[in-house]
């Protein structure tokens, strides 16, 4: 509500002005009274009024002195002075103090109300303009921070020093400058699933920002590098990344993310870059260190410089159509060779080539059979050997299922699906709901419908509902809204649109033509 502070040593004048304002202004206002300048200063600071109406002649602290004190205390309310003095000096001083209006007593009621109404409108417009400016500034800052983040991620992901140099130049133009210094970076990886997908990146970044800035003077910046991955950049005075103190801080930071996010967390520490241009190489090593979580060594931190290279590993040739056991045995054999960089690379190579083959075969069959699920997630998103094996098994099982169902049509299942749809046709029903019910992908259910009925799922549901609607519309006593609800539509307008599109007539027109 618009606040007005009324300042006058005469109680009856204060009350009179208040009554005039409260009864005659174009919108409601909150009036606050002060009996002198000293009292008014306290109330102006406490209440921050939008408008101040003050007498100029008051004991202790007159109106002009009161305005001077307001300026010193940086109270920016608009001030109108009431004066019985036709004195040019008073008016001149008031103008110098930025007084908006100098009104002579006695006050003419109509003119005074018009004046205050005008100021209320002007001040409200100023407030609105200020609010819009603040919102615009916040939005500009948000966009600028987003641009800086994108450039920083681009720098970390670039593949050459020349490309890195270009990103640094762009960041410099945005006033983001990195001094000549040794740098290292840490990848914090945390598990993202359906339950925490909405907030996990936000939670992790905020925890890491707060904890690392408090615990380490060398901490520079955090950035959400990808879903489930946060990259933290540090200055360092040592060419070695094997700092026990830093490992201790990183370990505790990872534990905090795990505790508050209720998710598995692992941190990979990269080696040291001589400058920011080479930080992308350090990041790649930090990502490799983060992949070491697959070995489940009992620690949630791995330092790239501490990983052993290991002896060469030869990958054996698998059959052209390997089964689950063949691939599992191969992964087990590679895993058993030790926790070295070479073993890690071999595991990753075997998994990714198998996953790529599965995805390729599923993609070819997806168009004709509706296999739309994402199988065989990235190697870095798996947290154990068992997860690697289960991802492969899910993919191969899906291929087998598609193969079997293409060769042997599952008539029984489609009959069950159609029966379920028919029984629930008047309820809220969707392709996703049916897919969940029968534990198949929505694409699979959609393809089944097209194979065993003349139309697809949505057309089938609509046709069945229109059959019910035509029967119910024969009874003129049943309101259109009830007909709509009985057919599974909870919005009568939408029902009418669908009905007219289907039959060429609105429900009302159809009923009238019966």
Protein backbone atom coordinates (compact mmCIF):
# COMPACT_ATOMS: atom_id res chain seq x y z
CA UNK A 1 0.00 0.00 0.00
CA UNK A 2 1.14 3.57 -0.76
CA UNK A 3 2.56 5.19 2.41
CA UNK A 4 2.32 8.92 3.24
CA UNK A 5 4.10 10.50 6.23
CA UNK A 6 2.34 13.68 7.50
CA UNK A 7 4.60 15.96 9.59
CA UNK A 8 3.15 18.95 11.50
CA UNK A 9 3.41 20.16 15.10
CA UNK A 10 -0.31 21.04 15.07
CA UNK A 11 -2.30 17.90 15.89
CA UNK A 12 -5.54 19.18 14.32
CA UNK A 13 -3.76 20.05 11.06
CA UNK A 14 -2.23 16.55 10.91
CA UNK A 15 -5.60 14.94 11.54
CA UNK A 16 -7.30 17.22 9.00
CA UNK A 17 -4.80 16.37 6.24
CA UNK A 18 -5.12 12.67 7.07
CA UNK A 19 -8.93 12.74 6.83
CA UNK A 20 -8.80 14.63 3.52
CA UNK A 21 -6.36 12.13 2.02
CA UNK A 22 -8.03 8.96 3.30
CA UNK A 23 -11.48 10.06 2.12
CA UNK A 24 -10.71 11.65 -1.24
CA UNK A 25 -7.70 10.04 -2.92
CA UNK A 26 -8.23 7.80 -5.94
CA UNK A 27 -6.82 4.76 -4.15
CA UNK A 28 -6.28 3.62 -0.55
CA UNK A 29 -3.22 4.93 1.29
CA UNK A 30 -1.59 4.35 4.67
CA UNK A 31 -1.08 7.63 6.54
CA UNK A 32 1.57 7.93 9.27
CA UNK A 33 1.74 10.98 11.55
CA UNK A 34 4.75 12.71 13.13
CA UNK A 35 4.53 15.68 15.49
CA UNK A 36 7.93 17.26 14.70
CA UNK A 37 11.06 16.83 12.60
CA UNK A 38 12.87 14.57 15.08
CA UNK A 39 9.88 12.24 15.37
CA UNK A 40 9.51 12.32 11.58
CA UNK A 41 13.14 11.27 11.02
CA UNK A 42 12.66 8.13 13.11
CA UNK A 43 9.43 7.22 11.35
CA UNK A 44 10.86 7.95 7.89
CA UNK A 45 13.70 5.48 8.56
CA UNK A 46 11.38 2.84 10.03
CA UNK A 47 8.49 3.09 7.56
CA UNK A 48 10.24 4.28 4.33
CA UNK A 49 7.19 6.26 3.15
CA UNK A 50 6.62 6.89 -0.56
CA UNK A 51 5.61 10.50 0.03
CA UNK A 52 6.28 12.97 2.89
CA UNK A 53 4.10 16.05 3.50
CA UNK A 54 5.78 18.32 6.04
CA UNK A 55 5.19 21.72 7.59
CA UNK A 56 8.14 24.09 7.30
CA UNK A 57 7.74 25.86 10.66
CA UNK A 58 8.17 23.40 13.55
CA UNK A 59 9.97 23.61 16.90
CA UNK A 60 13.26 21.76 17.42
CA UNK A 61 13.81 20.74 13.81
CA UNK A 62 12.05 22.71 11.09
CA UNK A 63 10.96 21.34 7.73
CA UNK A 64 14.11 22.33 5.85
CA UNK A 65 16.41 20.88 8.51
CA UNK A 66 14.31 17.73 8.48
CA UNK A 67 14.81 17.39 4.70
CA UNK A 68 18.59 17.90 5.08
CA UNK A 69 18.70 15.10 7.66
CA UNK A 70 16.67 12.87 5.35
CA UNK A 71 19.27 13.31 2.60
CA UNK A 72 22.14 12.50 4.97
CA UNK A 73 20.37 9.33 6.05
CA UNK A 74 19.71 8.50 2.35
CA UNK A 75 15.93 8.36 2.73
CA UNK A 76 14.78 9.03 -0.83
CA UNK A 77 11.07 9.68 -0.27
CA UNK A 78 9.41 12.42 -2.34
CA UNK A 79 8.86 15.54 -0.13
CA UNK A 80 6.15 18.21 -0.33
CA UNK A 81 6.51 21.23 1.98
CA UNK A 82 3.56 23.13 3.44
CA UNK A 83 4.35 26.71 4.38
CA UNK A 84 2.59 29.79 5.67
CA UNK A 85 5.65 31.85 4.84
CA UNK A 86 5.66 33.78 1.60
CA UNK A 87 9.41 34.06 1.90
CA UNK A 88 11.59 33.73 -1.20
CA UNK A 89 14.59 32.50 0.85
CA UNK A 90 12.62 29.54 2.18
CA UNK A 91 11.47 28.65 -1.33
CA UNK A 92 15.01 28.98 -2.69
CA UNK A 93 16.47 26.68 0.00
CA UNK A 94 13.66 24.18 -0.59
CA UNK A 95 14.47 24.04 -4.31
CA UNK A 96 18.18 23.46 -3.55
CA UNK A 97 17.22 20.53 -1.30
CA UNK A 98 15.25 18.93 -4.12
CA UNK A 99 11.78 19.56 -2.68
CA UNK A 100 9.20 18.53 -5.26
CA UNK A 101 6.45 20.95 -4.21
CA UNK A 102 6.20 24.10 -2.06
CA UNK A 103 2.52 24.55 -1.10
CA UNK A 104 1.28 27.71 0.59
CA UNK A 105 -1.24 27.60 3.43
CA UNK A 106 -4.18 27.72 3.69
CA UNK A 107 -4.57 24.60 1.55
CA UNK A 108 -7.27 24.50 -1.11
CA UNK A 109 -8.77 21.06 -0.73
CA UNK A 110 -9.54 20.30 -4.40
CA UNK A 111 -6.12 21.46 -5.62
CA UNK A 112 -4.37 19.60 -2.80
CA UNK A 113 -6.15 16.29 -3.59
CA UNK A 114 -5.36 16.69 -7.30
CA UNK A 115 -1.71 17.39 -6.43
CA UNK A 116 -1.35 14.32 -4.17
CA UNK A 117 -3.12 12.08 -6.70
CA UNK A 118 -0.66 13.22 -9.35
CA UNK A 119 2.32 12.48 -7.13
CA UNK A 120 0.97 9.05 -6.19
CA UNK A 121 0.67 8.20 -9.88
CA UNK A 122 4.16 9.56 -10.69
CA UNK A 123 5.81 7.73 -7.77
CA UNK A 124 4.08 4.46 -8.62
CA UNK A 125 5.31 4.76 -12.21
CA UNK A 126 8.84 5.42 -10.91
CA UNK A 127 8.62 2.34 -8.67
CA UNK A 128 7.40 0.23 -11.58
CA UNK A 129 10.20 1.54 -13.78
CA UNK A 130 12.75 0.82 -11.05
CA UNK A 131 11.38 -2.69 -10.57
CA UNK A 132 11.52 -3.33 -14.32
CA UNK A 133 15.08 -2.03 -14.38
CA UNK A 134 16.07 -4.33 -11.51
CA UNK A 135 14.43 -7.31 -13.21
CA UNK A 136 16.14 -6.40 -16.49
CA UNK A 137 19.51 -6.13 -14.72
CA UNK A 138 18.97 -9.50 -13.01
CA UNK A 139 18.04 -11.11 -16.32
CA UNK A 140 21.07 -9.55 -18.06
CA UNK A 141 23.34 -10.83 -15.29
CA UNK A 142 21.77 -14.27 -15.56
CA UNK A 143 22.34 -14.32 -19.32
CA UNK A 144 25.92 -13.06 -18.90
CA UNK A 145 26.70 -15.72 -16.30
CA UNK A 146 25.25 -18.31 -18.65
CA UNK A 147 27.48 -17.06 -21.48
CA UNK A 148 30.54 -17.14 -19.21
CA UNK A 149 29.68 -20.68 -18.13
CA UNK A 150 29.26 -21.80 -21.76
CA UNK A 151 32.63 -20.33 -22.73
CA UNK A 152 34.29 -21.91 -19.70
CA UNK A 153 32.82 -25.33 -20.53
CA UNK A 154 33.90 -24.78 -24.15
CA UNK A 155 37.43 -24.08 -22.91
CA UNK A 156 37.45 -27.26 -20.84
CA UNK A 157 36.13 -29.36 -23.73
CA UNK A 158 38.30 -27.95 -26.51
CA UNK A 159 40.66 -30.29 -28.34
CA UNK A 160 43.65 -28.03 -29.06
CA UNK A 161 45.67 -25.23 -27.45
CA UNK A 162 44.73 -22.92 -30.34
CA UNK A 163 41.03 -23.47 -29.65
CA UNK A 164 41.66 -22.99 -25.92
CA UNK A 165 43.40 -19.68 -26.63
CA UNK A 166 40.33 -18.46 -28.57
CA UNK A 167 38.04 -19.31 -25.65
CA UNK A 168 40.36 -17.48 -23.23
CA UNK A 169 40.18 -14.38 -25.44
CA UNK A 170 36.38 -14.54 -25.44
CA UNK A 171 36.32 -14.93 -21.64
CA UNK A 172 38.72 -11.99 -21.32
CA UNK A 173 36.25 -9.82 -23.24
CA UNK A 174 33.67 -10.79 -20.59
CA UNK A 175 36.08 -9.63 -17.83
CA UNK A 176 36.96 -13.22 -16.87
CA UNK A 177 40.76 -13.27 -16.68
CA UNK A 178 42.99 -16.10 -15.42
CA UNK A 179 46.45 -15.07 -14.28
CA UNK A 180 49.62 -16.99 -15.29
CA UNK A 181 49.61 -19.75 -12.70
CA UNK A 182 49.64 -23.52 -12.20
CA UNK A 183 46.13 -24.98 -12.22
CA UNK A 184 44.44 -28.30 -11.55
CA UNK A 185 40.86 -29.47 -11.74
CA UNK A 186 38.68 -32.05 -10.04
CA UNK A 187 35.68 -33.87 -11.51
CA UNK A 188 32.95 -34.59 -8.96
CA UNK A 189 30.66 -37.25 -10.39
CA UNK A 190 27.37 -38.03 -8.64
CA UNK A 191 24.60 -40.44 -9.50
CA UNK A 192 21.60 -38.90 -11.27
CA UNK A 193 18.40 -40.93 -11.54
CA UNK A 194 14.68 -40.40 -12.12
CA UNK A 195 14.10 -39.44 -8.48
CA UNK A 196 16.75 -36.72 -8.18
CA UNK A 197 17.12 -35.53 -11.79
CA UNK A 198 15.24 -32.29 -11.09
CA UNK A 199 17.58 -31.03 -8.39
CA UNK A 200 20.80 -33.05 -8.10
CA UNK A 201 23.02 -30.78 -10.26
CA UNK A 202 21.78 -27.74 -8.33
CA UNK A 203 22.37 -29.38 -4.93
CA UNK A 204 25.87 -30.57 -5.84
CA UNK A 205 27.03 -27.21 -7.23
CA UNK A 206 25.74 -25.22 -4.25
CA UNK A 207 27.33 -27.56 -1.70
CA UNK A 208 30.66 -27.54 -3.54
CA UNK A 209 30.60 -23.75 -4.03
CA UNK A 210 30.05 -23.12 -0.34
CA UNK A 211 32.33 -25.78 1.13
CA UNK A 212 35.32 -25.37 -1.22
CA UNK A 213 35.31 -21.55 -1.00
CA UNK A 214 35.41 -21.81 2.81
CA UNK A 215 38.00 -24.58 3.07
CA UNK A 216 40.49 -23.72 0.33
CA UNK A 217 42.08 -20.39 -0.57
CA UNK A 218 43.21 -21.96 -3.87
CA UNK A 219 39.66 -22.74 -5.02
CA UNK A 220 38.66 -20.62 -8.05
CA UNK A 221 35.40 -21.71 -9.64
CA UNK A 222 32.84 -24.51 -10.02
CA UNK A 223 30.91 -25.29 -13.15
CA UNK A 224 28.28 -27.93 -13.92
CA UNK A 225 30.12 -29.65 -16.75
CA UNK A 226 27.41 -32.16 -17.68
CA UNK A 227 24.46 -33.92 -16.06
CA UNK A 228 25.94 -35.64 -13.00
CA UNK A 229 29.36 -34.00 -13.34
CA UNK A 230 30.77 -30.88 -11.67
CA UNK A 231 34.24 -29.52 -12.43
CA UNK A 232 36.11 -27.55 -9.76
CA UNK A 233 39.21 -25.55 -10.70
CA UNK A 234 42.03 -24.78 -8.26
CA UNK A 235 45.24 -22.78 -8.28
CA UNK A 236 48.30 -24.70 -7.13
CA UNK A 237 51.92 -23.94 -6.29
CA UNK A 238 53.13 -27.46 -6.94
CA UNK A 239 53.72 -29.32 -10.19
CA UNK A 240 52.34 -32.42 -8.48
CA UNK A 241 48.65 -33.05 -7.86
CA UNK A 242 49.43 -35.49 -5.03
CA UNK A 243 48.49 -33.09 -2.25
CA UNK A 244 47.19 -34.94 0.81
CA UNK A 245 45.64 -31.73 2.12
CA UNK A 246 43.70 -31.20 -1.09
CA UNK A 247 42.65 -34.87 -1.21
CA UNK A 248 41.29 -34.47 2.32
CA UNK A 249 39.23 -31.41 1.31
CA UNK A 250 37.97 -33.09 -1.88
CA UNK A 251 37.04 -36.25 0.02
CA UNK A 252 35.01 -34.26 2.56
CA UNK A 253 33.32 -32.24 -0.20
CA UNK A 254 32.31 -35.47 -1.95
CA UNK A 255 30.95 -36.85 1.33
CA UNK A 256 28.81 -33.75 1.82
CA UNK A 257 27.32 -34.08 -1.66
CA UNK A 258 26.67 -37.77 -0.95
CA UNK A 259 25.04 -36.98 2.41
CA UNK A 260 22.76 -34.16 1.25
CA UNK A 261 22.05 -35.53 -2.22
CA UNK A 262 21.56 -39.14 -1.05
CA UNK A 263 23.48 -40.39 -4.08
CA UNK A 264 26.75 -42.12 -4.89
CA UNK A 265 29.63 -39.66 -5.39
CA UNK A 266 33.19 -40.04 -6.69
CA UNK A 267 35.93 -37.47 -7.35
CA UNK A 268 38.73 -37.66 -9.92
CA UNK A 269 41.70 -35.32 -9.47
CA UNK A 270 43.61 -34.38 -12.63
CA UNK A 271 47.29 -33.53 -12.96
CA UNK A 272 48.67 -29.95 -13.14
CA UNK A 273 48.46 -27.52 -16.08
CA UNK A 274 51.16 -24.85 -16.59
CA UNK A 275 48.44 -22.33 -17.54
CA UNK A 276 44.74 -22.11 -18.27
CA UNK A 277 45.19 -22.93 -21.97
CA UNK A 278 46.27 -26.46 -21.07
CA UNK A 279 43.53 -27.07 -18.49
CA UNK A 280 41.47 -29.08 -21.01
CA UNK A 281 44.17 -31.78 -20.95
CA UNK A 282 44.06 -31.86 -17.16
CA UNK A 283 40.27 -32.22 -17.30
CA UNK A 284 40.54 -35.27 -19.56
CA UNK A 285 42.84 -36.87 -17.00
CA UNK A 286 40.44 -35.94 -14.17
CA UNK A 287 37.61 -37.62 -16.10
CA UNK A 288 39.74 -40.75 -16.48
CA UNK A 289 40.43 -40.70 -12.74
CA UNK A 290 36.67 -40.38 -12.09
CA UNK A 291 36.10 -43.53 -14.19
CA UNK A 292 38.20 -45.39 -11.61
CA UNK A 293 35.06 -45.69 -9.47
CA UNK A 294 34.39 -48.86 -11.50
CA UNK A 295 37.04 -50.68 -9.40
CA UNK A 296 35.34 -49.87 -6.07
CA UNK A 297 38.64 -49.49 -4.16
CA UNK A 298 37.06 -48.23 -0.94
CA UNK A 299 38.01 -44.57 -1.45
CA UNK A 300 35.80 -41.95 -3.11
CA UNK A 301 38.79 -39.99 -4.49
CA UNK A 302 41.27 -41.00 -7.21
CA UNK A 303 44.32 -38.98 -8.31
CA UNK A 304 45.34 -39.39 -11.95
CA UNK A 305 49.07 -39.21 -11.14
CA UNK A 306 48.68 -42.16 -8.75
CA UNK A 307 47.16 -44.52 -11.33
CA UNK A 308 49.56 -47.27 -12.46
CA UNK A 309 50.02 -47.72 -16.20
CA UNK A 310 50.10 -51.55 -16.06
CA UNK A 311 51.01 -54.24 -18.56
CA UNK A 312 49.48 -54.31 -22.08
CA UNK A 313 46.13 -56.11 -22.42
CA UNK A 314 45.10 -57.86 -25.63
CA UNK A 315 41.39 -57.99 -26.37
CA UNK A 316 40.34 -61.35 -27.79
CA UNK A 317 38.00 -61.64 -30.73
CA UNK A 318 34.39 -62.41 -29.83
CA UNK A 319 31.97 -64.30 -32.03
CA UNK A 320 29.97 -62.31 -34.58
CA UNK A 321 26.80 -62.62 -32.45
CA UNK A 322 28.13 -62.93 -28.83
CA UNK A 323 25.70 -63.94 -26.13
CA UNK A 324 25.48 -62.50 -22.62
CA UNK A 325 27.73 -65.10 -21.00
CA UNK A 326 30.49 -64.67 -23.59
CA UNK A 327 30.63 -60.93 -23.05
CA UNK A 328 30.32 -61.24 -19.27
CA UNK A 329 33.21 -63.73 -19.12
CA UNK A 330 35.35 -61.43 -21.24
CA UNK A 331 34.61 -58.41 -18.99
CA UNK A 332 35.36 -60.51 -15.88
CA UNK A 333 38.66 -61.67 -17.32
CA UNK A 334 39.76 -58.10 -18.20
CA UNK A 335 38.67 -56.82 -14.77
CA UNK A 336 40.71 -59.49 -12.98
CA UNK A 337 43.98 -58.27 -14.53
CA UNK A 338 44.34 -55.42 -11.99
CA UNK A 339 43.39 -51.82 -11.32
CA UNK A 340 45.64 -50.14 -13.88
CA UNK A 341 45.13 -47.58 -16.62
CA UNK A 342 45.60 -50.23 -19.31
CA UNK A 343 42.93 -52.47 -17.74
CA UNK A 344 40.59 -49.49 -17.46
CA UNK A 345 41.09 -48.65 -21.15
CA UNK A 346 40.50 -52.30 -22.15
CA UNK A 347 37.29 -52.50 -20.09
CA UNK A 348 36.04 -49.27 -21.60
CA UNK A 349 36.93 -50.34 -25.13
CA UNK A 350 35.19 -53.74 -24.82
CA UNK A 351 32.08 -52.25 -23.20
CA UNK A 352 31.73 -49.35 -25.63
CA UNK A 353 32.18 -51.42 -28.79
CA UNK A 354 29.58 -53.93 -27.53
CA UNK A 355 27.19 -51.15 -26.47
CA UNK A 356 27.59 -49.38 -29.82
CA UNK A 357 26.73 -52.61 -31.67
CA UNK A 358 23.61 -53.12 -29.53
CA UNK A 359 22.46 -49.53 -29.97
CA UNK A 360 22.97 -49.74 -33.72
CA UNK A 361 20.87 -52.89 -34.03
CA UNK A 362 18.15 -51.49 -31.79
CA UNK A 363 18.06 -48.25 -33.79
CA UNK A 364 17.50 -50.16 -37.04
CA UNK A 365 14.59 -52.06 -35.53
CA UNK A 366 13.11 -49.14 -33.60
CA UNK A 367 11.37 -47.69 -36.69
CA UNK A 368 9.48 -50.87 -37.47
CA UNK A 369 9.03 -52.23 -33.95
CA UNK A 370 8.96 -49.23 -31.64
CA UNK A 371 11.99 -49.92 -29.44
CA UNK A 372 12.54 -46.39 -28.15
CA UNK A 373 14.28 -47.03 -24.82
CA UNK A 374 17.88 -45.88 -24.31
CA UNK A 375 19.99 -48.99 -23.71
CA UNK A 376 23.64 -49.31 -22.72
CA UNK A 377 24.42 -45.96 -21.08
CA UNK A 378 27.88 -44.40 -21.31
CA UNK A 379 30.78 -46.15 -19.60
CA UNK A 380 31.38 -43.17 -17.30
CA UNK A 381 27.79 -43.45 -15.95
CA UNK A 382 28.35 -47.01 -14.70
CA UNK A 383 29.56 -47.36 -11.11
CA UNK A 384 30.66 -51.02 -11.03
CA UNK A 385 31.49 -54.03 -13.14
CA UNK A 386 28.04 -55.45 -12.33
CA UNK A 387 26.41 -52.33 -13.80
CA UNK A 388 28.44 -52.72 -17.00
CA UNK A 389 27.29 -56.31 -17.31
CA UNK A 390 23.64 -55.50 -16.54
CA UNK A 391 23.58 -52.76 -19.20
CA UNK A 392 24.85 -55.24 -21.78
CA UNK A 393 22.32 -57.84 -20.64
CA UNK A 394 19.39 -55.41 -20.91
CA UNK A 395 20.40 -54.49 -24.45
CA UNK A 396 20.85 -58.08 -25.60
CA UNK A 397 17.58 -59.12 -23.92
CA UNK A 398 15.74 -56.38 -25.78
CA UNK A 399 17.21 -57.54 -29.08
CA UNK A 400 16.14 -61.12 -28.32
CA UNK A 401 12.66 -59.98 -27.34
CA UNK A 402 12.22 -57.97 -30.52
CA UNK A 403 13.53 -60.87 -32.59
CA UNK A 404 11.16 -63.35 -30.92
CA UNK A 405 8.14 -61.10 -31.19
CA UNK A 406 8.79 -60.37 -34.84
CA UNK A 407 9.01 -64.08 -35.65
CA UNK A 408 6.21 -65.14 -33.33
CA UNK A 409 3.41 -62.57 -33.14
CA UNK A 410 2.17 -62.15 -29.58
CA UNK A 411 -1.56 -62.29 -30.30
CA UNK A 412 -2.39 -62.98 -26.67
CA UNK A 413 -0.69 -59.81 -25.49
CA UNK A 414 -2.38 -57.51 -27.99
CA UNK A 415 -5.74 -59.03 -27.05
CA UNK A 416 -4.98 -58.29 -23.39
CA UNK A 417 -3.94 -54.75 -24.26
CA UNK A 418 -7.10 -54.07 -26.28
CA UNK A 419 -9.24 -55.57 -23.51
CA UNK A 420 -7.53 -53.30 -20.95
CA UNK A 421 -8.10 -50.22 -23.15
CA UNK A 422 -11.76 -51.12 -23.72
CA UNK A 423 -12.35 -51.60 -19.98
CA UNK A 424 -10.77 -48.25 -19.15
CA UNK A 425 -11.94 -46.25 -22.16
CA UNK A 426 -14.07 -43.89 -20.02
CA UNK A 427 -11.15 -43.15 -17.69
CA UNK A 428 -8.00 -41.14 -18.22
CA UNK A 429 -5.89 -43.46 -20.38
CA UNK A 430 -2.69 -42.87 -22.35
CA UNK A 431 -0.04 -44.75 -24.30
CA UNK A 432 2.41 -44.33 -21.40
CA UNK A 433 -0.10 -45.74 -18.91
CA UNK A 434 -0.68 -48.83 -21.08
CA UNK A 435 3.07 -49.23 -21.61
CA UNK A 436 3.64 -49.17 -17.84
CA UNK A 437 0.83 -51.65 -17.29
CA UNK A 438 2.30 -54.21 -19.72
CA UNK A 439 5.97 -53.35 -19.03
CA UNK A 440 6.78 -52.40 -22.60
CA UNK A 441 7.97 -49.19 -24.22
CA UNK A 442 5.33 -46.73 -25.55
CA UNK A 443 6.79 -47.25 -29.04
CA UNK A 444 6.32 -51.00 -28.76
CA UNK A 445 2.64 -50.63 -27.72
CA UNK A 446 2.04 -48.14 -30.54
CA UNK A 447 3.50 -50.54 -33.12
CA UNK A 448 1.45 -53.46 -31.77
CA UNK A 449 -1.75 -51.42 -32.24
CA UNK A 450 -0.85 -50.52 -35.81
CA UNK A 451 -0.18 -54.18 -36.61
CA UNK A 452 -3.40 -55.55 -35.12
CA UNK A 453 -5.95 -52.82 -35.63
CA UNK A 454 -6.77 -50.58 -38.56
CA UNK A 455 -5.65 -47.46 -36.68
CA UNK A 456 -3.06 -46.45 -34.12
CA UNK A 457 -3.59 -46.20 -30.36
CA UNK A 458 -4.98 -42.63 -30.24
CA UNK A 459 -7.36 -43.24 -33.16
CA UNK A 460 -8.59 -46.45 -31.55
CA UNK A 461 -9.31 -44.70 -28.22
CA UNK A 462 -11.06 -41.78 -29.95
CA UNK A 463 -13.25 -44.06 -32.07
CA UNK A 464 -14.35 -46.07 -29.04
CA UNK A 465 -15.19 -42.90 -27.10
CA UNK A 466 -17.16 -41.49 -30.03
CA UNK A 467 -19.25 -44.70 -30.15
CA UNK A 468 -20.18 -44.15 -26.50
CA UNK A 469 -20.88 -40.45 -27.14
CA UNK A 470 -23.28 -41.17 -30.03
CA UNK A 471 -25.28 -43.55 -27.86
CA UNK A 472 -25.49 -41.12 -24.91
CA UNK A 473 -26.46 -38.14 -27.10
CA UNK A 474 -29.66 -39.95 -28.11
CA UNK A 475 -31.00 -39.14 -24.63
CA UNK A 476 -31.68 -35.38 -24.75
CA UNK A 477 -31.98 -35.24 -20.96
CA UNK A 478 -28.25 -35.92 -20.49
CA UNK A 479 -26.23 -32.66 -20.41
CA UNK A 480 -23.26 -32.38 -22.82
CA UNK A 481 -20.86 -32.06 -19.86
CA UNK A 482 -22.04 -35.41 -18.46
CA UNK A 483 -21.73 -37.03 -21.88
CA UNK A 484 -18.17 -35.74 -22.13
CA UNK A 485 -17.23 -37.09 -18.68
CA UNK A 486 -18.86 -40.45 -19.40
CA UNK A 487 -16.65 -40.74 -22.49
CA UNK A 488 -13.43 -40.00 -20.59
CA UNK A 489 -13.27 -36.25 -21.39
CA UNK A 490 -13.15 -33.96 -18.37
CA UNK A 491 -13.28 -30.81 -20.48
CA UNK A 492 -16.56 -30.36 -22.37
CA UNK A 493 -15.05 -27.86 -24.83
CA UNK A 494 -12.28 -30.26 -25.79
CA UNK A 495 -14.86 -33.05 -26.15
CA UNK A 496 -16.88 -30.86 -28.54
CA UNK A 497 -13.79 -30.10 -30.62
CA UNK A 498 -12.88 -33.81 -30.91
CA UNK A 499 -16.49 -34.81 -31.64
CA UNK A 500 -16.88 -32.23 -34.42
CA UNK A 501 -13.54 -33.16 -35.95
CA UNK A 502 -14.56 -36.81 -35.92
CA UNK A 503 -18.18 -36.52 -37.13
CA UNK A 504 -18.37 -33.10 -38.76
CA UNK A 505 -21.00 -31.87 -36.30
CA UNK A 506 -20.84 -30.51 -32.76
CA UNK A 507 -22.50 -32.68 -30.05
CA UNK A 508 -25.42 -30.23 -29.90
CA UNK A 509 -25.87 -30.24 -33.69
CA UNK A 510 -25.65 -34.04 -33.77
CA UNK A 511 -28.37 -34.31 -31.11
CA UNK A 512 -30.63 -31.84 -32.93
CA UNK A 513 -30.34 -33.88 -36.16
CA UNK A 514 -31.36 -37.17 -34.54
